[in-house]
Amino acid sequence: MATGGAAGTVLSQPQGSEKTIVALTPLPPAPETLPLGPRLIPWPGHAGFTIVLAAVPTRAGLTRARREAMRALRAGLPEVGILVSSRYPDLHPGYYLVFSGVYDSLEEAQTRLPRASARFPGAFARQIAR
């Protein structure tokens, strides 16, 4: 039998057994250590422009954002990654932003937007400042 807890999961032996096993579930990583996966990129340490493919509320979970990012990779979009909006002062906090590309100008991002929009109809070009 398993019951959930805030910091872990308690697994217990059938009734009559003397042992109780406690397996701790790790807490989600802090935004600074966001585990992206082998093919996803982090946002570079400088300002730039990108195409935002999806904005996933953090309460919906990183797993959902990763699914969107993997869908973008399967679609062949370049430089796909996930960033945490609350780490950037010009973004609305509380979201995982799935992005594609890191560009020097808004015009460059906008020229790549039609390809992204074909798979992600709500995609838009956006500046990301540090």
N, C-alpha and C. Protein backbone atom coordinates (compact mmCIF):
# COMPACT_ATOMS: atom_id res chain seq x y z
N MET A 1 0.85 -1.17 0.00
CA MET A 1 0.00 0.00 0.00
C MET A 1 0.89 1.22 0.00
N ALA A 2 0.49 2.30 -0.71
CA ALA A 2 1.27 3.54 -0.75
C ALA A 2 0.36 4.70 -0.44
N THR A 3 0.86 5.61 0.37
CA THR A 3 0.12 6.84 0.63
C THR A 3 1.04 8.00 0.40
N GLY A 4 0.51 9.06 -0.21
CA GLY A 4 1.34 10.21 -0.54
C GLY A 4 1.52 11.14 0.63
N GLY A 5 2.60 11.83 0.62
CA GLY A 5 2.89 12.84 1.62
C GLY A 5 3.52 14.03 0.94
N ALA A 6 3.66 15.10 1.67
CA ALA A 6 4.21 16.32 1.09
C ALA A 6 5.66 16.13 0.68
N ALA A 7 6.43 15.39 1.46
CA ALA A 7 7.84 15.26 1.16
C ALA A 7 8.21 13.86 0.70
N GLY A 8 7.27 12.96 0.60
CA GLY A 8 7.64 11.63 0.17
C GLY A 8 6.46 10.70 0.10
N THR A 9 6.76 9.44 -0.13
CA THR A 9 5.76 8.40 -0.23
C THR A 9 6.07 7.35 0.81
N VAL A 10 5.08 6.92 1.56
CA VAL A 10 5.29 5.89 2.57
C VAL A 10 4.79 4.58 1.99
N LEU A 11 5.67 3.61 1.96
CA LEU A 11 5.32 2.28 1.51
C LEU A 11 5.32 1.38 2.72
N SER A 12 4.28 0.59 2.93
CA SER A 12 4.26 -0.26 4.11
C SER A 12 3.99 -1.70 3.71
N GLN A 13 4.45 -2.59 4.55
CA GLN A 13 4.26 -4.02 4.36
C GLN A 13 2.80 -4.37 4.66
N PRO A 14 2.32 -5.52 4.20
CA PRO A 14 0.96 -5.94 4.54
C PRO A 14 0.77 -6.00 6.06
N GLN A 15 -0.48 -5.89 6.48
CA GLN A 15 -0.81 -5.88 7.90
C GLN A 15 -0.22 -7.11 8.58
N GLY A 16 0.30 -6.93 9.77
CA GLY A 16 0.88 -8.03 10.52
C GLY A 16 2.39 -8.07 10.37
N SER A 17 2.91 -7.38 9.41
CA SER A 17 4.35 -7.32 9.22
C SER A 17 4.91 -6.26 10.16
N GLU A 18 6.15 -6.43 10.56
CA GLU A 18 6.75 -5.49 11.50
C GLU A 18 7.53 -4.38 10.82
N LYS A 19 7.74 -4.47 9.51
CA LYS A 19 8.58 -3.48 8.84
C LYS A 19 7.74 -2.45 8.10
N THR A 20 8.21 -1.22 8.16
CA THR A 20 7.66 -0.14 7.35
C THR A 20 8.81 0.47 6.59
N ILE A 21 8.65 0.62 5.29
CA ILE A 21 9.69 1.19 4.46
C ILE A 21 9.24 2.57 4.02
N VAL A 22 10.10 3.54 4.19
CA VAL A 22 9.80 4.90 3.77
C VAL A 22 10.71 5.25 2.61
N ALA A 23 10.11 5.59 1.46
CA ALA A 23 10.88 6.01 0.29
C ALA A 23 10.62 7.49 0.08
N LEU A 24 11.65 8.31 0.18
CA LEU A 24 11.48 9.74 0.00
C LEU A 24 11.51 10.10 -1.47
N THR A 25 10.55 10.89 -1.89
CA THR A 25 10.50 11.40 -3.24
C THR A 25 11.22 12.74 -3.25
N PRO A 26 12.20 12.93 -4.14
CA PRO A 26 12.92 14.21 -4.12
C PRO A 26 11.99 15.37 -4.46
N LEU A 27 12.25 16.50 -3.83
CA LEU A 27 11.49 17.71 -4.13
C LEU A 27 11.86 18.19 -5.52
N PRO A 28 10.98 18.93 -6.19
CA PRO A 28 11.31 19.45 -7.51
C PRO A 28 12.55 20.35 -7.42
N PRO A 29 13.35 20.39 -8.47
CA PRO A 29 14.56 21.20 -8.43
C PRO A 29 14.23 22.69 -8.40
N ALA A 30 15.14 23.45 -7.83
CA ALA A 30 15.01 24.90 -7.85
C ALA A 30 15.13 25.37 -9.29
N PRO A 31 14.52 26.49 -9.65
CA PRO A 31 14.59 26.96 -11.03
C PRO A 31 16.00 27.08 -11.58
N GLU A 32 16.97 27.40 -10.72
CA GLU A 32 18.35 27.56 -11.18
C GLU A 32 18.94 26.25 -11.67
N THR A 33 18.38 25.11 -11.23
CA THR A 33 18.92 23.81 -11.60
C THR A 33 17.91 23.01 -12.43
N LEU A 34 17.14 23.69 -13.22
CA LEU A 34 16.12 23.06 -14.03
C LEU A 34 16.72 21.97 -14.92
N PRO A 35 16.37 20.70 -14.69
CA PRO A 35 16.92 19.63 -15.51
C PRO A 35 16.22 19.60 -16.87
N LEU A 36 16.93 19.93 -17.90
CA LEU A 36 16.30 20.09 -19.20
C LEU A 36 16.23 18.80 -20.00
N GLY A 37 17.20 17.96 -19.91
CA GLY A 37 17.23 16.76 -20.72
C GLY A 37 18.35 16.85 -21.72
N PRO A 38 18.63 15.75 -22.37
CA PRO A 38 19.82 15.68 -23.22
C PRO A 38 19.79 16.55 -24.46
N ARG A 39 18.62 16.84 -25.01
CA ARG A 39 18.58 17.58 -26.27
C ARG A 39 18.02 18.99 -26.13
N LEU A 40 17.68 19.40 -24.94
CA LEU A 40 17.15 20.74 -24.71
C LEU A 40 18.27 21.67 -24.29
N ILE A 41 18.15 22.93 -24.68
CA ILE A 41 19.19 23.89 -24.35
C ILE A 41 18.72 24.83 -23.24
N PRO A 42 19.63 25.36 -22.43
CA PRO A 42 19.26 26.39 -21.47
C PRO A 42 19.27 27.74 -22.17
N TRP A 43 18.59 28.71 -21.60
CA TRP A 43 18.68 30.06 -22.14
C TRP A 43 20.09 30.57 -21.85
N PRO A 44 20.75 31.19 -22.85
CA PRO A 44 22.11 31.68 -22.61
C PRO A 44 22.11 32.81 -21.57
N GLY A 45 23.27 33.14 -21.09
CA GLY A 45 23.38 34.14 -20.03
C GLY A 45 23.26 35.57 -20.50
N HIS A 46 22.74 35.80 -21.68
CA HIS A 46 22.61 37.17 -22.19
C HIS A 46 21.21 37.38 -22.76
N ALA A 47 20.88 38.64 -23.01
CA ALA A 47 19.59 38.97 -23.60
C ALA A 47 19.57 38.53 -25.05
N GLY A 48 18.38 38.28 -25.55
CA GLY A 48 18.21 37.88 -26.95
C GLY A 48 16.75 37.77 -27.29
N PHE A 49 16.48 37.25 -28.44
CA PHE A 49 15.11 37.07 -28.92
C PHE A 49 14.89 35.59 -29.19
N THR A 50 13.65 35.17 -29.07
CA THR A 50 13.31 33.77 -29.30
C THR A 50 11.89 33.66 -29.80
N ILE A 51 11.49 32.45 -30.08
CA ILE A 51 10.10 32.16 -30.40
C ILE A 51 9.54 31.35 -29.24
N VAL A 52 8.54 31.91 -28.58
CA VAL A 52 7.88 31.21 -27.49
C VAL A 52 6.84 30.29 -28.11
N LEU A 53 7.00 29.00 -27.87
CA LEU A 53 6.09 28.00 -28.44
C LEU A 53 4.92 27.71 -27.51
N ALA A 54 5.19 27.69 -26.21
CA ALA A 54 4.14 27.37 -25.24
C ALA A 54 4.50 27.99 -23.90
N ALA A 55 3.49 28.43 -23.19
CA ALA A 55 3.64 28.93 -21.82
C ALA A 55 2.84 27.99 -20.92
N VAL A 56 3.54 27.17 -20.17
CA VAL A 56 2.92 26.16 -19.32
C VAL A 56 2.96 26.66 -17.88
N PRO A 57 1.81 26.80 -17.23
CA PRO A 57 1.82 27.25 -15.83
C PRO A 57 2.69 26.31 -14.98
N THR A 58 3.49 26.87 -14.09
CA THR A 58 4.36 26.02 -13.27
C THR A 58 3.54 25.03 -12.44
N ARG A 59 2.33 25.40 -12.07
CA ARG A 59 1.50 24.48 -11.29
C ARG A 59 1.09 23.25 -12.12
N ALA A 60 1.15 23.36 -13.45
CA ALA A 60 0.84 22.22 -14.32
C ALA A 60 2.01 21.24 -14.39
N GLY A 61 3.19 21.71 -14.01
CA GLY A 61 4.33 20.83 -13.90
C GLY A 61 5.32 20.88 -15.04
N LEU A 62 6.56 20.60 -14.68
CA LEU A 62 7.65 20.57 -15.63
C LEU A 62 7.47 19.45 -16.66
N THR A 63 6.85 18.36 -16.26
CA THR A 63 6.63 17.24 -17.19
C THR A 63 5.82 17.69 -18.39
N ARG A 64 4.81 18.48 -18.17
CA ARG A 64 3.99 18.99 -19.28
C ARG A 64 4.82 19.89 -20.20
N ALA A 65 5.66 20.74 -19.62
CA ALA A 65 6.52 21.61 -20.43
C ALA A 65 7.50 20.77 -21.23
N ARG A 66 8.05 19.72 -20.63
CA ARG A 66 8.96 18.83 -21.36
C ARG A 66 8.27 18.15 -22.53
N ARG A 67 7.02 17.76 -22.33
CA ARG A 67 6.26 17.14 -23.44
C ARG A 67 6.15 18.09 -24.62
N GLU A 68 5.85 19.36 -24.32
CA GLU A 68 5.75 20.36 -25.39
C GLU A 68 7.11 20.55 -26.07
N ALA A 69 8.16 20.57 -25.27
CA ALA A 69 9.51 20.74 -25.83
C ALA A 69 9.88 19.54 -26.71
N MET A 70 9.55 18.35 -26.28
CA MET A 70 9.86 17.16 -27.09
C MET A 70 9.04 17.17 -28.38
N ARG A 71 7.82 17.66 -28.31
CA ARG A 71 7.00 17.78 -29.52
C ARG A 71 7.65 18.75 -30.50
N ALA A 72 8.24 19.83 -29.98
CA ALA A 72 8.93 20.80 -30.83
C ALA A 72 10.17 20.17 -31.47
N LEU A 73 10.90 19.38 -30.70
CA LEU A 73 12.07 18.70 -31.25
C LEU A 73 11.67 17.72 -32.36
N ARG A 74 10.61 16.96 -32.11
CA ARG A 74 10.13 16.01 -33.14
C ARG A 74 9.69 16.74 -34.41
N ALA A 75 9.21 17.98 -34.24
CA ALA A 75 8.79 18.78 -35.40
C ALA A 75 9.99 19.38 -36.13
N GLY A 76 11.19 19.17 -35.59
CA GLY A 76 12.39 19.66 -36.25
C GLY A 76 12.74 21.11 -35.96
N LEU A 77 12.14 21.69 -34.93
CA LEU A 77 12.45 23.08 -34.59
C LEU A 77 13.84 23.16 -33.95
N PRO A 78 14.57 24.24 -34.23
CA PRO A 78 15.95 24.34 -33.73
C PRO A 78 16.02 24.88 -32.31
N GLU A 79 17.10 24.54 -31.63
CA GLU A 79 17.44 25.10 -30.32
C GLU A 79 16.23 25.21 -29.39
N VAL A 80 15.68 24.09 -29.03
CA VAL A 80 14.50 24.06 -28.16
C VAL A 80 14.96 23.98 -26.71
N GLY A 81 14.29 24.76 -25.88
CA GLY A 81 14.60 24.74 -24.46
C GLY A 81 13.41 25.18 -23.63
N ILE A 82 13.61 25.19 -22.33
CA ILE A 82 12.57 25.60 -21.39
C ILE A 82 13.22 26.59 -20.42
N LEU A 83 12.53 27.70 -20.17
CA LEU A 83 13.01 28.62 -19.15
C LEU A 83 11.89 28.90 -18.15
N VAL A 84 12.28 29.32 -16.97
CA VAL A 84 11.33 29.63 -15.91
C VAL A 84 11.12 31.13 -15.92
N SER A 85 9.90 31.56 -16.21
CA SER A 85 9.62 32.98 -16.42
C SER A 85 9.93 33.84 -15.20
N SER A 86 9.78 33.31 -14.01
CA SER A 86 10.00 34.12 -12.81
C SER A 86 11.46 34.52 -12.62
N ARG A 87 12.37 33.95 -13.39
CA ARG A 87 13.78 34.31 -13.30
C ARG A 87 14.14 35.49 -14.19
N TYR A 88 13.16 36.01 -14.94
CA TYR A 88 13.40 37.09 -15.89
C TYR A 88 12.44 38.24 -15.57
N PRO A 89 12.98 39.41 -15.25
CA PRO A 89 12.14 40.50 -14.76
C PRO A 89 11.09 41.01 -15.76
N ASP A 90 11.32 40.83 -17.04
CA ASP A 90 10.36 41.34 -18.02
C ASP A 90 9.29 40.32 -18.41
N LEU A 91 9.30 39.15 -17.79
CA LEU A 91 8.31 38.11 -18.09
C LEU A 91 7.33 37.96 -16.94
N HIS A 92 6.12 37.56 -17.26
CA HIS A 92 5.10 37.29 -16.25
C HIS A 92 5.51 36.03 -15.48
N PRO A 93 5.63 36.09 -14.16
CA PRO A 93 6.08 34.92 -13.40
C PRO A 93 5.04 33.80 -13.37
N GLY A 94 5.53 32.59 -13.08
CA GLY A 94 4.63 31.45 -12.88
C GLY A 94 4.48 30.54 -14.08
N TYR A 95 5.41 30.62 -15.03
CA TYR A 95 5.30 29.79 -16.24
C TYR A 95 6.63 29.15 -16.60
N TYR A 96 6.53 27.97 -17.21
CA TYR A 96 7.64 27.39 -17.95
C TYR A 96 7.42 27.82 -19.40
N LEU A 97 8.38 28.52 -19.99
CA LEU A 97 8.26 28.91 -21.39
C LEU A 97 9.08 27.96 -22.24
N VAL A 98 8.41 27.30 -23.17
CA VAL A 98 9.09 26.44 -24.13
C VAL A 98 9.44 27.32 -25.31
N PHE A 99 10.73 27.36 -25.66
CA PHE A 99 11.17 28.26 -26.72
C PHE A 99 11.95 27.53 -27.80
N SER A 100 12.08 28.20 -28.93
CA SER A 100 12.89 27.68 -30.03
C SER A 100 13.74 28.81 -30.59
N GLY A 101 15.05 28.60 -30.57
CA GLY A 101 15.97 29.56 -31.15
C GLY A 101 16.40 30.65 -30.21
N VAL A 102 17.61 31.13 -30.44
CA VAL A 102 18.15 32.28 -29.72
C VAL A 102 18.68 33.20 -30.81
N TYR A 103 18.06 34.38 -30.96
CA TYR A 103 18.35 35.26 -32.07
C TYR A 103 18.83 36.63 -31.58
N ASP A 104 19.58 37.31 -32.42
CA ASP A 104 20.11 38.62 -32.08
C ASP A 104 19.11 39.76 -32.26
N SER A 105 18.08 39.54 -33.06
CA SER A 105 17.11 40.61 -33.32
C SER A 105 15.70 40.05 -33.39
N LEU A 106 14.74 40.93 -33.18
CA LEU A 106 13.34 40.56 -33.30
C LEU A 106 13.03 40.16 -34.74
N GLU A 107 13.61 40.86 -35.69
CA GLU A 107 13.36 40.56 -37.11
C GLU A 107 13.81 39.15 -37.46
N GLU A 108 14.96 38.75 -36.94
CA GLU A 108 15.46 37.40 -37.20
C GLU A 108 14.51 36.35 -36.61
N ALA A 109 14.03 36.58 -35.41
CA ALA A 109 13.08 35.65 -34.79
C ALA A 109 11.79 35.60 -35.59
N GLN A 110 11.31 36.76 -36.04
CA GLN A 110 10.06 36.80 -36.79
C GLN A 110 10.16 36.09 -38.14
N THR A 111 11.34 36.08 -38.74
CA THR A 111 11.49 35.36 -40.02
C THR A 111 11.37 33.85 -39.81
N ARG A 112 11.68 33.37 -38.61
CA ARG A 112 11.60 31.94 -38.30
C ARG A 112 10.23 31.55 -37.73
N LEU A 113 9.41 32.53 -37.42
CA LEU A 113 8.12 32.30 -36.78
C LEU A 113 7.15 31.46 -37.61
N PRO A 114 7.03 31.63 -38.93
CA PRO A 114 6.06 30.83 -39.68
C PRO A 114 6.25 29.32 -39.54
N ARG A 115 7.49 28.88 -39.53
CA ARG A 115 7.75 27.44 -39.38
C ARG A 115 7.25 26.94 -38.02
N ALA A 116 7.54 27.71 -36.96
CA ALA A 116 7.10 27.33 -35.62
C ALA A 116 5.58 27.39 -35.50
N SER A 117 4.98 28.41 -36.10
CA SER A 117 3.52 28.58 -36.02
C SER A 117 2.76 27.46 -36.70
N ALA A 118 3.38 26.81 -37.66
CA ALA A 118 2.71 25.70 -38.34
C ALA A 118 2.41 24.57 -37.35
N ARG A 119 3.26 24.36 -36.35
CA ARG A 119 3.06 23.30 -35.35
C ARG A 119 2.54 23.83 -34.03
N PHE A 120 2.82 25.09 -33.75
CA PHE A 120 2.40 25.73 -32.51
C PHE A 120 1.69 27.03 -32.88
N PRO A 121 0.39 26.96 -33.16
CA PRO A 121 -0.34 28.12 -33.68
C PRO A 121 -0.27 29.37 -32.80
N GLY A 122 -0.05 29.24 -31.53
CA GLY A 122 0.02 30.40 -30.65
C GLY A 122 1.43 30.94 -30.48
N ALA A 123 2.38 30.44 -31.23
CA ALA A 123 3.78 30.86 -31.07
C ALA A 123 3.93 32.34 -31.40
N PHE A 124 4.91 32.97 -30.74
CA PHE A 124 5.17 34.39 -30.99
C PHE A 124 6.64 34.70 -30.70
N ALA A 125 7.16 35.73 -31.34
CA ALA A 125 8.53 36.16 -31.12
C ALA A 125 8.56 37.05 -29.88
N ARG A 126 9.64 36.94 -29.08
CA ARG A 126 9.70 37.66 -27.81
C ARG A 126 11.14 37.93 -27.42
N GLN A 127 11.37 39.09 -26.85
CA GLN A 127 12.68 39.39 -26.30
C GLN A 127 12.77 38.79 -24.90
N ILE A 128 13.93 38.23 -24.59
CA ILE A 128 14.20 37.72 -23.25
C ILE A 128 15.39 38.52 -22.74
N ALA A 129 15.17 39.28 -21.68
CA ALA A 129 16.23 40.11 -21.10
C ALA A 129 16.66 39.53 -19.77
N ARG A 130 17.88 39.77 -19.42
CA ARG A 130 18.41 39.30 -18.13
C ARG A 130 18.28 40.35 -17.09
